[in-house]
């Protein structure tokens, strides 16, 4: 590992050392209001960086959640400064899911007949890193208008394939699958082109497991609530798998007649054995927990800077999700003990 990669790995591990600990989560869950949570984060955590200058006594729930998410992008920007020349493709492509989230936000608003709300909702802190024109997107008033706003970007061609009949709703699931298929195809292509040996294997593991788990979640939900979904429609909401074993397991799971049969079948798969004691009605929590354990292990065992970077950024997203659950717990007056069970630790 050269000195530049040594530097980014050391920086990442030092930043991970400032994560929210289980003890801090328990402390946060004793707070009874959004203001108290904001005050704790300001005084005791690295989130003081984004909370500095904020009047915590008047901060509202949505504002605090946005500030927590903003911290991830500040850290992304810091780490990019350590990125060696020639590796920009992988590190830059990591921002793609954030852009997909904004495109899907506009599609949802178009379906709801409220596209003007995008201007009020999209986070301004992502603008410096975005490859899409968020202002142009905010002016879209139709799917064709959105395509025009995305013209010349990596997303336009895939969304063109999702055109819908005039007067009908945009197929949200199809658009989401198309964009994330492009993302995972792109990240795997970069991995195959730029990395070899254990670095390639570890990165393929990170993104392969994430894809497989996402497909399992989607399949369970479909089998649970829409068991009679035709195979061709089902395939339209699943991400393609590159691993041969994972593809074979996915086909077998897709053929399950209903949710109970799916659960029986999934527990016979390599990854599914980790779900033996899971409550499948909370399968998203199990998905995040498996990802969390894999990423945490790689964070401290991998010698590859790209692997540490990927693990850190994905762990930051899990932490932000945990903190949103903590805020919701205080806002709605939920049980601290029950909320603690929902956190991914």
C-alpha atoms as a PDB file:
ATOM      1  CA  UNK A   1       0.000   0.000   0.000  1.00  0.00           C
ATOM      2  CA  UNK A   2       1.505   3.359  -0.998  1.00  0.00           C
ATOM      3  CA  UNK A   3       1.744   6.344   1.335  1.00  0.00           C
ATOM      4  CA  UNK A   4      -1.384   8.040  -0.036  1.00  0.00           C
ATOM      5  CA  UNK A   5      -3.478   4.919   0.536  1.00  0.00           C
ATOM      6  CA  UNK A   6      -1.898   4.431   3.952  1.00  0.00           C
ATOM      7  CA  UNK A   7      -2.952   7.960   4.827  1.00  0.00           C
ATOM      8  CA  UNK A   8      -6.582   7.508   3.787  1.00  0.00           C
ATOM      9  CA  UNK A   9      -6.853   4.180   5.649  1.00  0.00           C
ATOM     10  CA  UNK A  10      -5.443   5.709   8.835  1.00  0.00           C
ATOM     11  CA  UNK A  11      -7.780   8.699   8.494  1.00  0.00           C
ATOM     12  CA  UNK A  12     -10.827   6.472   7.992  1.00  0.00           C
ATOM     13  CA  UNK A  13     -10.074   4.341  11.039  1.00  0.00           C
ATOM     14  CA  UNK A  14      -9.505   7.439  13.166  1.00  0.00           C
ATOM     15  CA  UNK A  15     -12.863   8.841  12.010  1.00  0.00           C
ATOM     16  CA  UNK A  16     -14.570   5.526  12.770  1.00  0.00           C
ATOM     17  CA  UNK A  17     -13.244   5.800  16.305  1.00  0.00           C
ATOM     18  CA  UNK A  18     -15.577   8.772  16.784  1.00  0.00           C
ATOM     19  CA  UNK A  19     -18.720   6.783  15.971  1.00  0.00           C
ATOM     20  CA  UNK A  20     -21.783   6.798  18.223  1.00  0.00           C
ATOM     21  CA  UNK A  21     -21.311   3.984  20.744  1.00  0.00           C
ATOM     22  CA  UNK A  22     -24.031   1.723  22.207  1.00  0.00           C
ATOM     23  CA  UNK A  23     -23.644   3.580  25.502  1.00  0.00           C
ATOM     24  CA  UNK A  24     -24.259   6.897  23.748  1.00  0.00           C
ATOM     25  CA  UNK A  25     -27.355   5.513  22.049  1.00  0.00           C
ATOM     26  CA  UNK A  26     -28.672   4.513  25.453  1.00  0.00           C
ATOM     27  CA  UNK A  27     -27.924   8.021  26.735  1.00  0.00           C
ATOM     28  CA  UNK A  28     -29.698   9.561  23.741  1.00  0.00           C
ATOM     29  CA  UNK A  29     -32.774   7.409  24.338  1.00  0.00           C
ATOM     30  CA  UNK A  30     -33.165   8.939  27.799  1.00  0.00           C
ATOM     31  CA  UNK A  31     -33.699  12.334  26.134  1.00  0.00           C
ATOM     32  CA  UNK A  32     -37.344  13.295  25.861  1.00  0.00           C
ATOM     33  CA  UNK A  33     -37.309  15.870  23.069  1.00  0.00           C
ATOM     34  CA  UNK A  34     -35.656  16.765  19.777  1.00  0.00           C
ATOM     35  CA  UNK A  35     -34.011  19.718  21.526  1.00  0.00           C
ATOM     36  CA  UNK A  36     -32.439  17.469  24.186  1.00  0.00           C
ATOM     37  CA  UNK A  37     -31.115  15.090  21.515  1.00  0.00           C
ATOM     38  CA  UNK A  38     -29.627  17.989  19.552  1.00  0.00           C
ATOM     39  CA  UNK A  39     -27.977  19.342  22.712  1.00  0.00           C
ATOM     40  CA  UNK A  40     -26.435  15.947  23.476  1.00  0.00           C
ATOM     41  CA  UNK A  41     -25.106  15.513  19.934  1.00  0.00           C
ATOM     42  CA  UNK A  42     -23.657  19.029  19.997  1.00  0.00           C
ATOM     43  CA  UNK A  43     -21.892  18.518  23.311  1.00  0.00           C
ATOM     44  CA  UNK A  44     -20.708  14.916  23.024  1.00  0.00           C
ATOM     45  CA  UNK A  45     -20.285  13.789  19.409  1.00  0.00           C
ATOM     46  CA  UNK A  46     -18.655  14.627  16.102  1.00  0.00           C
ATOM     47  CA  UNK A  47     -22.033  15.948  14.917  1.00  0.00           C
ATOM     48  CA  UNK A  48     -21.052  19.189  16.649  1.00  0.00           C
ATOM     49  CA  UNK A  49     -19.481  20.043  13.282  1.00  0.00           C
ATOM     50  CA  UNK A  50     -22.822  20.352  11.520  1.00  0.00           C
ATOM     51  CA  UNK A  51     -24.725  21.523  14.611  1.00  0.00           C
ATOM     52  CA  UNK A  52     -22.361  24.410  15.322  1.00  0.00           C
ATOM     53  CA  UNK A  53     -24.279  27.669  15.115  1.00  0.00           C
ATOM     54  CA  UNK A  54     -27.683  25.953  15.260  1.00  0.00           C
ATOM     55  CA  UNK A  55     -30.105  27.172  17.916  1.00  0.00           C
ATOM     56  CA  UNK A  56     -30.826  23.806  19.498  1.00  0.00           C
ATOM     57  CA  UNK A  57     -33.782  25.139  21.497  1.00  0.00           C
ATOM     58  CA  UNK A  58     -35.632  25.855  18.261  1.00  0.00           C
ATOM     59  CA  UNK A  59     -34.387  23.034  16.008  1.00  0.00           C
ATOM     60  CA  UNK A  60     -37.195  20.919  14.580  1.00  0.00           C
ATOM     61  CA  UNK A  61     -37.193  17.210  13.815  1.00  0.00           C
ATOM     62  CA  UNK A  62     -36.701  17.425  10.051  1.00  0.00           C
ATOM     63  CA  UNK A  63     -33.920  19.975  10.392  1.00  0.00           C
ATOM     64  CA  UNK A  64     -32.008  17.806  12.867  1.00  0.00           C
ATOM     65  CA  UNK A  65     -32.352  14.728  10.659  1.00  0.00           C
ATOM     66  CA  UNK A  66     -30.988  16.707   7.685  1.00  0.00           C
ATOM     67  CA  UNK A  67     -28.039  17.945   9.761  1.00  0.00           C
ATOM     68  CA  UNK A  68     -27.228  14.373  10.770  1.00  0.00           C
ATOM     69  CA  UNK A  69     -27.244  13.287   7.129  1.00  0.00           C
ATOM     70  CA  UNK A  70     -25.142  16.307   6.169  1.00  0.00           C
ATOM     71  CA  UNK A  71     -22.348  15.101   8.459  1.00  0.00           C
ATOM     72  CA  UNK A  72     -21.832  12.105   6.185  1.00  0.00           C
ATOM     73  CA  UNK A  73     -21.172  14.355   3.192  1.00  0.00           C
ATOM     74  CA  UNK A  74     -18.776  16.558   5.093  1.00  0.00           C
ATOM     75  CA  UNK A  75     -16.795  13.440   5.933  1.00  0.00           C
ATOM     76  CA  UNK A  76     -17.030  12.244   2.339  1.00  0.00           C
ATOM     77  CA  UNK A  77     -15.512  15.547   1.202  1.00  0.00           C
ATOM     78  CA  UNK A  78     -12.694  15.232   3.753  1.00  0.00           C
ATOM     79  CA  UNK A  79     -11.820  11.738   2.603  1.00  0.00           C
ATOM     80  CA  UNK A  80     -11.857  12.718  -1.065  1.00  0.00           C
ATOM     81  CA  UNK A  81      -8.959  15.076  -0.333  1.00  0.00           C
ATOM     82  CA  UNK A  82      -6.860  12.028   0.550  1.00  0.00           C
ATOM     83  CA  UNK A  83      -7.848  10.169  -2.618  1.00  0.00           C
ATOM     84  CA  UNK A  84      -4.796   9.437  -4.825  1.00  0.00           C
ATOM     85  CA  UNK A  85      -4.870  10.476  -8.462  1.00  0.00           C
ATOM     86  CA  UNK A  86      -6.168   7.775 -10.769  1.00  0.00           C
ATOM     87  CA  UNK A  87      -8.716   6.375  -8.313  1.00  0.00           C
ATOM     88  CA  UNK A  88     -11.403   9.022  -8.756  1.00  0.00           C
ATOM     89  CA  UNK A  89     -13.822   6.676 -10.540  1.00  0.00           C
ATOM     90  CA  UNK A  90     -14.463   4.438  -7.545  1.00  0.00           C
ATOM     91  CA  UNK A  91     -14.469   7.134  -4.881  1.00  0.00           C
ATOM     92  CA  UNK A  92     -16.588   9.481  -6.991  1.00  0.00           C
ATOM     93  CA  UNK A  93     -19.088   6.829  -8.039  1.00  0.00           C
ATOM     94  CA  UNK A  94     -19.870   6.296  -4.384  1.00  0.00           C
ATOM     95  CA  UNK A  95     -22.017   9.424  -4.448  1.00  0.00           C
ATOM     96  CA  UNK A  96     -24.368   7.949  -7.063  1.00  0.00           C
ATOM     97  CA  UNK A  97     -26.993   6.548  -4.616  1.00  0.00           C
ATOM     98  CA  UNK A  98     -27.476  10.043  -3.201  1.00  0.00           C
ATOM     99  CA  UNK A  99     -28.319  11.333  -6.667  1.00  0.00           C
ATOM    100  CA  UNK A 100     -30.640   8.391  -7.315  1.00  0.00           C
ATOM    101  CA  UNK A 101     -32.449   9.238  -4.071  1.00  0.00           C
ATOM    102  CA  UNK A 102     -33.134  12.760  -5.353  1.00  0.00           C
ATOM    103  CA  UNK A 103     -34.319  11.526  -8.761  1.00  0.00           C
ATOM    104  CA  UNK A 104     -36.670   9.071  -7.051  1.00  0.00           C
ATOM    105  CA  UNK A 105     -37.880  11.859  -4.767  1.00  0.00           C
ATOM    106  CA  UNK A 106     -38.955  13.841  -7.839  1.00  0.00           C
ATOM    107  CA  UNK A 107     -40.622  10.789  -9.419  1.00  0.00           C
ATOM    108  CA  UNK A 108     -42.613  10.239  -6.216  1.00  0.00           C
ATOM    109  CA  UNK A 109     -43.650  13.906  -6.181  1.00  0.00           C
ATOM    110  CA  UNK A 110     -44.651  13.755  -9.864  1.00  0.00           C
ATOM    111  CA  UNK A 111     -46.875  10.779  -9.111  1.00  0.00           C
ATOM    112  CA  UNK A 112     -48.385  12.682  -6.174  1.00  0.00           C
ATOM    113  CA  UNK A 113     -49.001  15.732  -8.340  1.00  0.00           C
ATOM    114  CA  UNK A 114     -46.714  17.895  -6.159  1.00  0.00           C
ATOM    115  CA  UNK A 115     -43.440  18.343  -8.102  1.00  0.00           C
ATOM    116  CA  UNK A 116     -43.104  21.928  -6.859  1.00  0.00           C
ATOM    117  CA  UNK A 117     -42.256  20.543  -3.395  1.00  0.00           C
ATOM    118  CA  UNK A 118     -38.910  19.249  -4.654  1.00  0.00           C
ATOM    119  CA  UNK A 119     -37.484  22.772  -4.480  1.00  0.00           C
ATOM    120  CA  UNK A 120     -38.267  22.833  -0.755  1.00  0.00           C
ATOM    121  CA  UNK A 121     -37.141  19.281   0.005  1.00  0.00           C
ATOM    122  CA  UNK A 122     -33.845  18.532  -1.703  1.00  0.00           C
ATOM    123  CA  UNK A 123     -30.800  18.964   0.582  1.00  0.00           C
ATOM    124  CA  UNK A 124     -28.604  21.884  -0.480  1.00  0.00           C
ATOM    125  CA  UNK A 125     -25.470  20.387   1.034  1.00  0.00           C
ATOM    126  CA  UNK A 126     -25.208  17.780  -1.728  1.00  0.00           C
ATOM    127  CA  UNK A 127     -25.030  20.402  -4.501  1.00  0.00           C
ATOM    128  CA  UNK A 128     -21.198  20.729  -4.442  1.00  0.00           C
ATOM    129  CA  UNK A 129     -20.799  16.993  -5.051  1.00  0.00           C
ATOM    130  CA  UNK A 130     -23.705  16.365  -7.448  1.00  0.00           C
ATOM    131  CA  UNK A 131     -23.266  15.534 -11.138  1.00  0.00           C
ATOM    132  CA  UNK A 132     -26.929  16.350 -11.812  1.00  0.00           C
ATOM    133  CA  UNK A 133     -28.516  19.785 -11.984  1.00  0.00           C
ATOM    134  CA  UNK A 134     -30.840  19.804  -8.980  1.00  0.00           C
ATOM    135  CA  UNK A 135     -32.210  23.237  -9.864  1.00  0.00           C
ATOM    136  CA  UNK A 136     -33.206  21.984 -13.324  1.00  0.00           C
ATOM    137  CA  UNK A 137     -34.795  18.915 -11.758  1.00  0.00           C
ATOM    138  CA  UNK A 138     -36.784  21.146  -9.397  1.00  0.00           C
ATOM    139  CA  UNK A 139     -38.389  22.823 -12.428  1.00  0.00           C
ATOM    140  CA  UNK A 140     -39.633  19.487 -13.869  1.00  0.00           C
ATOM    141  CA  UNK A 141     -43.389  19.154 -14.076  1.00  0.00           C
ATOM    142  CA  UNK A 142     -43.582  15.847 -15.960  1.00  0.00           C
ATOM    143  CA  UNK A 143     -41.541  12.695 -16.569  1.00  0.00           C
ATOM    144  CA  UNK A 144     -40.443  14.130 -19.926  1.00  0.00           C
ATOM    145  CA  UNK A 145     -39.359  17.289 -18.121  1.00  0.00           C
ATOM    146  CA  UNK A 146     -37.320  15.201 -15.696  1.00  0.00           C
ATOM    147  CA  UNK A 147     -35.668  13.391 -18.600  1.00  0.00           C
ATOM    148  CA  UNK A 148     -34.791  16.768 -20.139  1.00  0.00           C
ATOM    149  CA  UNK A 149     -33.238  17.890 -16.836  1.00  0.00           C
ATOM    150  CA  UNK A 150     -31.140  14.705 -16.781  1.00  0.00           C
ATOM    151  CA  UNK A 151     -30.106  14.854 -20.445  1.00  0.00           C
ATOM    152  CA  UNK A 152     -26.382  14.149 -20.791  1.00  0.00           C
ATOM    153  CA  UNK A 153     -26.110  12.406 -17.408  1.00  0.00           C
ATOM    154  CA  UNK A 154     -25.569   8.704 -16.716  1.00  0.00           C
ATOM    155  CA  UNK A 155     -29.204   8.387 -15.615  1.00  0.00           C
ATOM    156  CA  UNK A 156     -31.088   9.584 -18.686  1.00  0.00           C
ATOM    157  CA  UNK A 157     -30.806   6.452 -20.836  1.00  0.00           C
ATOM    158  CA  UNK A 158     -31.982   4.078 -18.088  1.00  0.00           C
ATOM    159  CA  UNK A 159     -34.974   6.276 -17.275  1.00  0.00           C
ATOM    160  CA  UNK A 160     -35.849   6.541 -20.973  1.00  0.00           C
ATOM    161  CA  UNK A 161     -36.525   2.803 -20.819  1.00  0.00           C
ATOM    162  CA  UNK A 162     -39.117   3.446 -18.085  1.00  0.00           C
ATOM    163  CA  UNK A 163     -41.405   5.700 -20.112  1.00  0.00           C
ATOM    164  CA  UNK A 164     -45.055   5.176 -19.256  1.00  0.00           C
ATOM    165  CA  UNK A 165     -48.292   5.618 -21.161  1.00  0.00           C
ATOM    166  CA  UNK A 166     -49.745   9.120 -21.160  1.00  0.00           C
ATOM    167  CA  UNK A 167     -52.117   9.610 -18.266  1.00  0.00           C
ATOM    168  CA  UNK A 168     -50.764   6.687 -16.234  1.00  0.00           C
ATOM    169  CA  UNK A 169     -48.589   6.852 -13.142  1.00  0.00           C
ATOM    170  CA  UNK A 170     -44.831   6.534 -13.446  1.00  0.00           C
ATOM    171  CA  UNK A 171     -43.734   3.004 -12.513  1.00  0.00           C
ATOM    172  CA  UNK A 172     -41.775   3.936  -9.384  1.00  0.00           C
ATOM    173  CA  UNK A 173     -40.441   0.440  -8.676  1.00  0.00           C
ATOM    174  CA  UNK A 174     -39.269  -0.017 -12.249  1.00  0.00           C
ATOM    175  CA  UNK A 175     -37.416   3.318 -12.219  1.00  0.00           C
ATOM    176  CA  UNK A 176     -35.814   2.548  -8.860  1.00  0.00           C
ATOM    177  CA  UNK A 177     -34.642  -0.883 -10.023  1.00  0.00           C
ATOM    178  CA  UNK A 178     -33.344   0.502 -13.324  1.00  0.00           C
ATOM    179  CA  UNK A 179     -31.255   3.182 -11.627  1.00  0.00           C
ATOM    180  CA  UNK A 180     -29.853   0.911  -8.928  1.00  0.00           C
ATOM    181  CA  UNK A 181     -29.100  -1.788 -11.513  1.00  0.00           C
ATOM    182  CA  UNK A 182     -27.047   0.806 -13.345  1.00  0.00           C
ATOM    183  CA  UNK A 183     -25.332   1.781 -10.094  1.00  0.00           C
ATOM    184  CA  UNK A 184     -24.339  -1.746  -9.100  1.00  0.00           C
ATOM    185  CA  UNK A 185     -23.301  -2.613 -12.670  1.00  0.00           C
ATOM    186  CA  UNK A 186     -21.156   0.508 -12.733  1.00  0.00           C
ATOM    187  CA  UNK A 187     -19.513  -0.089  -9.369  1.00  0.00           C
ATOM    188  CA  UNK A 188     -18.718  -3.713 -10.248  1.00  0.00           C
ATOM    189  CA  UNK A 189     -17.267  -2.618 -13.615  1.00  0.00           C
ATOM    190  CA  UNK A 190     -14.996  -0.138 -11.818  1.00  0.00           C
ATOM    191  CA  UNK A 191     -13.938  -2.811  -9.319  1.00  0.00           C
ATOM    192  CA  UNK A 192     -13.071  -5.247 -12.127  1.00  0.00           C
ATOM    193  CA  UNK A 193     -11.165  -2.560 -14.042  1.00  0.00           C
ATOM    194  CA  UNK A 194      -9.232  -0.904 -11.219  1.00  0.00           C
ATOM    195  CA  UNK A 195      -8.582  -3.571  -8.577  1.00  0.00           C
ATOM    196  CA  UNK A 196      -7.158  -7.075  -8.277  1.00  0.00           C
ATOM    197  CA  UNK A 197      -6.622  -9.764  -5.670  1.00  0.00           C
ATOM    198  CA  UNK A 198      -8.042  -9.362  -2.177  1.00  0.00           C
ATOM    199  CA  UNK A 199      -9.136  -5.762  -2.810  1.00  0.00           C
ATOM    200  CA  UNK A 200     -11.351  -6.846  -5.701  1.00  0.00           C
ATOM    201  CA  UNK A 201     -12.675  -9.829  -3.738  1.00  0.00           C
ATOM    202  CA  UNK A 202     -13.535  -7.753  -0.675  1.00  0.00           C
ATOM    203  CA  UNK A 203     -15.248  -5.013  -2.680  1.00  0.00           C
ATOM    204  CA  UNK A 204     -17.252  -7.564  -4.645  1.00  0.00           C
ATOM    205  CA  UNK A 205     -18.262  -9.088  -1.312  1.00  0.00           C
ATOM    206  CA  UNK A 206     -19.452  -5.719   0.048  1.00  0.00           C
ATOM    207  CA  UNK A 207     -21.596  -4.844  -2.946  1.00  0.00           C
ATOM    208  CA  UNK A 208     -22.617  -8.404  -3.767  1.00  0.00           C
ATOM    209  CA  UNK A 209     -23.990  -8.989  -0.269  1.00  0.00           C
ATOM    210  CA  UNK A 210     -25.791  -5.629  -0.348  1.00  0.00           C
ATOM    211  CA  UNK A 211     -27.438  -6.543  -3.664  1.00  0.00           C
ATOM    212  CA  UNK A 212     -28.394 -10.036  -2.506  1.00  0.00           C
ATOM    213  CA  UNK A 213     -29.921  -8.768   0.735  1.00  0.00           C
ATOM    214  CA  UNK A 214     -31.874  -6.056  -1.067  1.00  0.00           C
ATOM    215  CA  UNK A 215     -33.316  -8.674  -3.405  1.00  0.00           C
ATOM    216  CA  UNK A 216     -34.270 -10.894  -0.460  1.00  0.00           C
ATOM    217  CA  UNK A 217     -36.114  -8.009   1.196  1.00  0.00           C
ATOM    218  CA  UNK A 218     -37.995  -7.184  -2.016  1.00  0.00           C
ATOM    219  CA  UNK A 219     -38.885 -10.822  -2.638  1.00  0.00           C
ATOM    220  CA  UNK A 220     -40.175 -11.341   0.883  1.00  0.00           C
ATOM    221  CA  UNK A 221     -42.382  -8.252   0.681  1.00  0.00           C
ATOM    222  CA  UNK A 222     -43.766  -9.346  -2.693  1.00  0.00           C
ATOM    223  CA  UNK A 223     -44.406 -12.917  -1.486  1.00  0.00           C
ATOM    224  CA  UNK A 224     -45.956 -11.587   1.721  1.00  0.00           C
ATOM    225  CA  UNK A 225     -48.375  -9.099   0.185  1.00  0.00           C
ATOM    226  CA  UNK A 226     -48.547  -9.850  -3.569  1.00  0.00           C
ATOM    227  CA  UNK A 227     -47.926 -13.602  -3.822  1.00  0.00           C
ATOM    228  CA  UNK A 228     -49.635 -13.861  -7.224  1.00  0.00           C
ATOM    229  CA  UNK A 229     -47.223 -11.401  -8.907  1.00  0.00           C
ATOM    230  CA  UNK A 230     -46.296 -12.808 -12.358  1.00  0.00           C
ATOM    231  CA  UNK A 231     -42.611 -13.807 -12.805  1.00  0.00           C
ATOM    232  CA  UNK A 232     -41.966 -11.149 -15.467  1.00  0.00           C
ATOM    233  CA  UNK A 233     -43.179  -8.379 -13.145  1.00  0.00           C
ATOM    234  CA  UNK A 234     -41.166  -9.818 -10.279  1.00  0.00           C
ATOM    235  CA  UNK A 235     -37.978  -9.782 -12.342  1.00  0.00           C
ATOM    236  CA  UNK A 236     -38.501  -6.089 -13.037  1.00  0.00           C
ATOM    237  CA  UNK A 237     -38.000  -5.192  -9.366  1.00  0.00           C
ATOM    238  CA  UNK A 238     -34.955  -7.408  -8.717  1.00  0.00           C
ATOM    239  CA  UNK A 239     -31.347  -6.379  -9.167  1.00  0.00           C
ATOM    240  CA  UNK A 240     -29.161  -8.658 -11.320  1.00  0.00           C
ATOM    241  CA  UNK A 241     -26.641 -10.826  -9.441  1.00  0.00           C
ATOM    242  CA  UNK A 242     -23.129 -11.405 -10.776  1.00  0.00           C
ATOM    243  CA  UNK A 243     -22.267 -14.277  -8.465  1.00  0.00           C
ATOM    244  CA  UNK A 244     -23.376 -17.595  -9.976  1.00  0.00           C
ATOM    245  CA  UNK A 245     -24.421 -19.144  -6.667  1.00  0.00           C
ATOM    246  CA  UNK A 246     -26.352 -16.035  -5.671  1.00  0.00           C
ATOM    247  CA  UNK A 247     -28.163 -16.055  -9.049  1.00  0.00           C
ATOM    248  CA  UNK A 248     -29.184 -19.685  -8.590  1.00  0.00           C
ATOM    249  CA  UNK A 249     -30.426 -19.012  -5.052  1.00  0.00           C
ATOM    250  CA  UNK A 250     -32.354 -15.963  -6.227  1.00  0.00           C
ATOM    251  CA  UNK A 251     -34.156 -17.977  -8.919  1.00  0.00           C
ATOM    252  CA  UNK A 252     -35.144 -20.583  -6.343  1.00  0.00           C
ATOM    253  CA  UNK A 253     -36.416 -17.902  -3.943  1.00  0.00           C
ATOM    254  CA  UNK A 254     -38.397 -16.198  -6.700  1.00  0.00           C
ATOM    255  CA  UNK A 255     -40.216 -19.471  -7.390  1.00  0.00           C
ATOM    256  CA  UNK A 256     -41.502 -19.713  -3.784  1.00  0.00           C
ATOM    257  CA  UNK A 257     -45.292 -19.913  -3.812  1.00  0.00           C
ATOM    258  CA  UNK A 258     -45.785 -17.530  -0.838  1.00  0.00           C
ATOM    259  CA  UNK A 259     -44.041 -15.864   2.123  1.00  0.00           C
ATOM    260  CA  UNK A 260     -43.913 -19.017   4.270  1.00  0.00           C
ATOM    261  CA  UNK A 261     -42.318 -21.022   1.483  1.00  0.00           C
ATOM    262  CA  UNK A 262     -39.901 -18.134   0.882  1.00  0.00           C
ATOM    263  CA  UNK A 263     -38.801 -18.166   4.541  1.00  0.00           C
ATOM    264  CA  UNK A 264     -38.202 -21.927   4.414  1.00  0.00           C
ATOM    265  CA  UNK A 265     -36.218 -21.597   1.223  1.00  0.00           C
ATOM    266  CA  UNK A 266     -34.151 -18.563   2.235  1.00  0.00           C
ATOM    267  CA  UNK A 267     -32.887 -20.306   5.365  1.00  0.00           C
ATOM    268  CA  UNK A 268     -31.244 -22.924   3.140  1.00  0.00           C
ATOM    269  CA  UNK A 269     -29.139 -20.308   1.334  1.00  0.00           C
ATOM    270  CA  UNK A 270     -25.648 -19.326   2.423  1.00  0.00           C
ATOM    271  CA  UNK A 271     -26.598 -15.788   3.390  1.00  0.00           C
ATOM    272  CA  UNK A 272     -30.046 -16.783   4.594  1.00  0.00           C
ATOM    273  CA  UNK A 273     -28.616 -18.959   7.364  1.00  0.00           C
ATOM    274  CA  UNK A 274     -27.786 -15.681   9.090  1.00  0.00           C
ATOM    275  CA  UNK A 275     -31.527 -15.028   9.204  1.00  0.00           C
ATOM    276  CA  UNK A 276     -32.446 -18.227  11.086  1.00  0.00           C
ATOM    277  CA  UNK A 277     -33.738 -16.408  14.165  1.00  0.00           C
ATOM    278  CA  UNK A 278     -35.001 -13.284  12.430  1.00  0.00           C
ATOM    279  CA  UNK A 279     -38.517 -11.899  12.510  1.00  0.00           C
ATOM    280  CA  UNK A 280     -39.146 -11.572   8.787  1.00  0.00           C
ATOM    281  CA  UNK A 281     -41.697  -8.821   9.342  1.00  0.00           C
ATOM    282  CA  UNK A 282     -38.628  -6.767  10.337  1.00  0.00           C
ATOM    283  CA  UNK A 283     -36.411  -8.145   7.602  1.00  0.00           C
ATOM    284  CA  UNK A 284     -34.981  -4.711   6.801  1.00  0.00           C
ATOM    285  CA  UNK A 285     -33.415  -4.651  10.272  1.00  0.00           C
ATOM    286  CA  UNK A 286     -31.805  -8.044   9.674  1.00  0.00           C
ATOM    287  CA  UNK A 287     -30.574  -6.822   6.280  1.00  0.00           C
ATOM    288  CA  UNK A 288     -28.880  -3.829   7.900  1.00  0.00           C
ATOM    289  CA  UNK A 289     -27.454  -5.946  10.739  1.00  0.00           C
ATOM    290  CA  UNK A 290     -25.775  -8.396   8.360  1.00  0.00           C
ATOM    291  CA  UNK A 291     -24.333  -5.531   6.320  1.00  0.00           C
ATOM    292  CA  UNK A 292     -23.185  -3.813   9.526  1.00  0.00           C
ATOM    293  CA  UNK A 293     -21.311  -6.874  10.780  1.00  0.00           C
ATOM    294  CA  UNK A 294     -19.593  -7.437   7.416  1.00  0.00           C
ATOM    295  CA  UNK A 295     -18.608  -3.778   7.055  1.00  0.00           C
ATOM    296  CA  UNK A 296     -17.330  -3.516  10.630  1.00  0.00           C
ATOM    297  CA  UNK A 297     -15.149  -6.582  10.167  1.00  0.00           C
ATOM    298  CA  UNK A 298     -13.689  -5.297   6.897  1.00  0.00           C
ATOM    299  CA  UNK A 299     -13.097  -1.856   8.393  1.00  0.00           C
ATOM    300  CA  UNK A 300     -10.452  -3.281  10.710  1.00  0.00           C
ATOM    301  CA  UNK A 301      -9.163  -6.317   8.827  1.00  0.00           C
ATOM    302  CA  UNK A 302      -8.820  -5.088   5.249  1.00  0.00           C
ATOM    303  CA  UNK A 303      -5.525  -3.616   4.106  1.00  0.00           C
ATOM    304  CA  UNK A 304      -7.168  -1.910   1.124  1.00  0.00           C
ATOM    305  CA  UNK A 305      -8.084   1.784   1.291  1.00  0.00           C
ATOM    306  CA  UNK A 306     -11.036   1.450  -1.143  1.00  0.00           C
ATOM    307  CA  UNK A 307     -12.530  -1.286   1.050  1.00  0.00           C
ATOM    308  CA  UNK A 308     -12.118   0.792   4.213  1.00  0.00           C
ATOM    309  CA  UNK A 309     -13.627   3.801   2.432  1.00  0.00           C
ATOM    310  CA  UNK A 310     -16.650   1.810   1.229  1.00  0.00           C
ATOM    311  CA  UNK A 311     -17.161   0.253   4.655  1.00  0.00           C
ATOM    312  CA  UNK A 312     -16.914   3.599   6.434  1.00  0.00           C
ATOM    313  CA  UNK A 313     -19.352   5.443   4.187  1.00  0.00           C
ATOM    314  CA  UNK A 314     -21.913   2.631   4.390  1.00  0.00           C
ATOM    315  CA  UNK A 315     -21.528   2.440   8.181  1.00  0.00           C
ATOM    316  CA  UNK A 316     -22.123   6.196   8.373  1.00  0.00           C
ATOM    317  CA  UNK A 317     -25.416   5.693   6.545  1.00  0.00           C
ATOM    318  CA  UNK A 318     -26.436   3.023   9.070  1.00  0.00           C
ATOM    319  CA  UNK A 319     -25.524   5.343  11.941  1.00  0.00           C
ATOM    320  CA  UNK A 320     -27.609   8.155  10.454  1.00  0.00           C
ATOM    321  CA  UNK A 321     -30.559   5.757  10.189  1.00  0.00           C
ATOM    322  CA  UNK A 322     -30.088   4.794  13.847  1.00  0.00           C
ATOM    323  CA  UNK A 323     -30.121   8.437  14.918  1.00  0.00           C
ATOM    324  CA  UNK A 324     -33.291   9.113  12.937  1.00  0.00           C
ATOM    325  CA  UNK A 325     -34.940   6.254  14.869  1.00  0.00           C
ATOM    326  CA  UNK A 326     -33.763   7.849  18.133  1.00  0.00           C
ATOM    327  CA  UNK A 327     -35.249  11.214  17.108  1.00  0.00           C
ATOM    328  CA  UNK A 328     -38.528   9.548  16.121  1.00  0.00           C
ATOM    329  CA  UNK A 329     -38.600   7.765  19.485  1.00  0.00           C
ATOM    330  CA  UNK A 330     -38.411  11.066  21.359  1.00  0.00           C
ATOM    331  CA  UNK A 331     -40.777  12.849  18.974  1.00  0.00           C
ATOM    332  CA  UNK A 332     -43.508  10.207  19.231  1.00  0.00           C
ATOM    333  CA  UNK A 333     -42.858   9.239  22.863  1.00  0.00           C
ATOM    334  CA  UNK A 334     -41.908   5.640  22.053  1.00  0.00           C
ATOM    335  CA  UNK A 335     -40.359   3.131  24.426  1.00  0.00           C
ATOM    336  CA  UNK A 336     -36.595   3.521  24.767  1.00  0.00           C
ATOM    337  CA  UNK A 337     -36.164  -0.242  25.247  1.00  0.00           C
ATOM    338  CA  UNK A 338     -38.170  -1.073  22.134  1.00  0.00           C
ATOM    339  CA  UNK A 339     -36.326   1.556  20.083  1.00  0.00           C
ATOM    340  CA  UNK A 340     -32.961   0.181  21.229  1.00  0.00           C
ATOM    341  CA  UNK A 341     -33.932  -3.192  19.726  1.00  0.00           C
ATOM    342  CA  UNK A 342     -34.461  -1.509  16.366  1.00  0.00           C
ATOM    343  CA  UNK A 343     -30.986   0.021  16.248  1.00  0.00           C
ATOM    344  CA  UNK A 344     -28.273  -1.671  14.210  1.00  0.00           C
ATOM    345  CA  UNK A 345     -25.298  -2.129  16.545  1.00  0.00           C
END
